[in-house]
């Protein structure tokens, strides 16, 4: 009888010492009302006379908060159809091409991703150019589209 009573008291003490733990779920969230992105483009650049290749700078994403399945695509156009025009005689031009602008696209989270851009002028263009100041204006356009 003492053994039964001792075992019963031991079980009772274990049951009374048990602490019940309750857990609550905590939801942490944030949201952006709209897609936000910041792109840095090359600034004004001078191309040395007779340089066949000149780095213009980079197109860089400094902020890329866009939805999954979206991409920010950058296109580049030229005011003079990729020809630097002489300031004294608009008929006198120097044709050039751009490298690195054909596939500029940023995906969600592409913070800090860069695409270098260069101007390329053929030697034959330099040889036919008259003296003077030549210029062109490039327009970089960013568009958020479905990937």
Protein backbone atom coordinates (compact mmCIF):
# COMPACT_ATOMS: atom_id res chain seq x y z
CA UNK A 1 0.00 0.00 0.00
CA UNK A 2 2.88 2.37 0.75
CA UNK A 3 4.31 1.70 -2.72
CA UNK A 4 0.99 2.47 -4.42
CA UNK A 5 0.59 5.63 -2.39
CA UNK A 6 4.21 6.71 -3.11
CA UNK A 7 3.83 6.13 -6.84
CA UNK A 8 0.49 7.97 -6.90
CA UNK A 9 1.97 10.95 -5.04
CA UNK A 10 4.97 10.99 -7.43
CA UNK A 11 2.68 11.03 -10.47
CA UNK A 12 0.52 13.73 -8.87
CA UNK A 13 3.61 15.89 -8.22
CA UNK A 14 4.78 15.48 -11.83
CA UNK A 15 1.35 16.51 -13.13
CA UNK A 16 1.22 19.54 -10.85
CA UNK A 17 4.77 20.63 -11.84
CA UNK A 18 4.00 20.57 -15.54
CA UNK A 19 3.89 24.09 -16.99
CA UNK A 20 1.73 24.63 -20.01
CA UNK A 21 3.26 26.91 -22.66
CA UNK A 22 1.06 28.85 -25.04
CA UNK A 23 2.36 30.40 -28.28
CA UNK A 24 0.83 33.19 -30.30
CA UNK A 25 1.61 33.79 -33.96
CA UNK A 26 3.07 37.17 -34.83
CA UNK A 27 2.80 38.41 -38.40
CA UNK A 28 5.49 40.82 -39.63
CA UNK A 29 4.84 42.53 -42.95
CA UNK A 30 5.60 45.51 -45.12
CA UNK A 31 4.41 46.69 -48.50
CA UNK A 32 5.23 49.20 -51.19
CA UNK A 33 2.28 50.92 -52.78
CA UNK A 34 3.97 51.14 -56.16
CA UNK A 35 7.03 50.03 -58.01
CA UNK A 36 10.04 52.26 -57.44
CA UNK A 37 13.34 52.29 -59.21
CA UNK A 38 16.24 54.67 -59.63
CA UNK A 39 18.65 54.46 -62.53
CA UNK A 40 21.87 56.47 -62.88
CA UNK A 41 22.92 57.27 -66.45
CA UNK A 42 26.25 58.47 -67.86
CA UNK A 43 26.79 62.23 -67.65
CA UNK A 44 28.09 64.56 -70.35
CA UNK A 45 31.20 63.06 -71.90
CA UNK A 46 33.88 64.25 -74.28
CA UNK A 47 35.32 61.90 -76.86
CA UNK A 48 38.97 62.63 -77.61
CA UNK A 49 39.60 63.43 -81.27
CA UNK A 50 40.47 60.25 -83.22
CA UNK A 51 39.57 57.93 -80.30
CA UNK A 52 38.00 54.80 -81.72
CA UNK A 53 36.48 53.72 -78.39
CA UNK A 54 35.50 55.91 -75.46
CA UNK A 55 33.79 54.76 -72.27
CA UNK A 56 30.81 56.99 -71.55
CA UNK A 57 30.05 55.57 -68.10
CA UNK A 58 27.57 53.04 -66.80
CA UNK A 59 23.83 52.63 -66.48
CA UNK A 60 23.40 51.57 -62.85
CA UNK A 61 20.38 50.62 -60.74
CA UNK A 62 20.56 52.35 -57.36
CA UNK A 63 17.05 51.24 -56.35
CA UNK A 64 15.08 48.36 -57.88
CA UNK A 65 11.84 47.78 -55.98
CA UNK A 66 9.63 46.15 -58.61
CA UNK A 67 7.18 43.26 -58.53
CA UNK A 68 8.19 39.69 -59.33
CA UNK A 69 7.70 39.02 -63.02
CA UNK A 70 8.60 42.62 -63.95
CA UNK A 71 11.77 44.05 -65.44
CA UNK A 72 13.01 47.59 -66.08
CA UNK A 73 14.25 47.88 -69.67
CA UNK A 74 16.44 50.78 -70.77
CA UNK A 75 16.49 52.00 -74.37
CA UNK A 76 18.76 54.64 -75.87
CA UNK A 77 17.93 56.99 -78.73
CA UNK A 78 19.96 59.71 -80.40
CA UNK A 79 18.84 63.20 -81.40
CA UNK A 80 20.94 62.94 -84.60
CA UNK A 81 20.59 59.25 -85.48
CA UNK A 82 23.90 58.41 -83.75
CA UNK A 83 25.86 61.06 -85.59
CA UNK A 84 27.78 63.84 -83.88
CA UNK A 85 26.94 67.04 -85.76
CA UNK A 86 29.33 69.92 -86.41
CA UNK A 87 28.13 73.07 -84.61
CA UNK A 88 29.06 75.30 -87.59
CA UNK A 89 27.77 73.01 -90.37
CA UNK A 90 25.03 70.48 -89.57
CA UNK A 91 25.76 68.64 -92.84
CA UNK A 92 29.19 67.67 -91.50
CA UNK A 93 28.79 64.72 -89.12
CA UNK A 94 30.73 61.90 -87.48
CA UNK A 95 28.84 58.60 -87.22
CA UNK A 96 29.29 56.41 -84.14
CA UNK A 97 27.81 53.35 -82.50
CA UNK A 98 27.16 52.51 -78.87
CA UNK A 99 28.30 49.33 -77.15
CA UNK A 100 26.56 47.90 -74.12
CA UNK A 101 23.12 49.42 -74.69
CA UNK A 102 21.41 46.58 -76.54
CA UNK A 103 20.50 44.48 -73.50
CA UNK A 104 20.10 46.76 -70.48
CA UNK A 105 17.46 45.21 -68.23
CA UNK A 106 17.09 45.13 -64.45
CA UNK A 107 15.18 42.50 -62.45
CA UNK A 108 13.72 42.83 -58.94
CA UNK A 109 16.54 43.23 -56.42
CA UNK A 110 19.21 44.23 -58.97
CA UNK A 111 20.56 46.95 -56.65
CA UNK A 112 23.97 48.12 -57.80
CA UNK A 113 23.92 46.22 -61.09
CA UNK A 114 25.69 48.16 -63.86
CA UNK A 115 25.96 48.07 -67.62
CA UNK A 116 29.00 49.89 -69.07
CA UNK A 117 28.34 52.01 -72.16
CA UNK A 118 30.95 52.95 -74.79
CA UNK A 119 30.97 55.04 -77.97
CA UNK A 120 32.78 53.64 -81.00
CA UNK A 121 33.94 55.78 -83.94
CA UNK A 122 35.43 54.20 -87.04
CA UNK A 123 38.79 55.52 -88.20
CA UNK A 124 37.25 56.38 -91.59
CA UNK A 125 34.77 58.72 -89.83
CA UNK A 126 37.61 60.64 -88.16
CA UNK A 127 39.48 60.97 -91.46
CA UNK A 128 36.55 62.59 -93.27
CA UNK A 129 35.59 64.94 -90.41
CA UNK A 130 36.22 68.66 -90.66
CA UNK A 131 37.66 70.66 -87.79
CA UNK A 132 35.19 72.01 -85.28
CA UNK A 133 33.00 71.04 -82.39
CA UNK A 134 30.69 68.04 -82.82
CA UNK A 135 27.91 66.86 -80.51
CA UNK A 136 24.88 64.64 -80.16
CA UNK A 137 22.32 64.12 -77.40
CA UNK A 138 21.44 60.66 -76.12
CA UNK A 139 18.12 59.97 -74.43
CA UNK A 140 17.91 57.05 -71.99
CA UNK A 141 14.35 55.79 -71.42
CA UNK A 142 13.40 53.40 -68.61
CA UNK A 143 10.23 51.33 -68.80
CA UNK A 144 8.87 48.78 -66.32
CA UNK A 145 7.40 45.87 -68.29
CA UNK A 146 6.38 42.24 -67.82
CA UNK A 147 9.45 40.01 -67.90
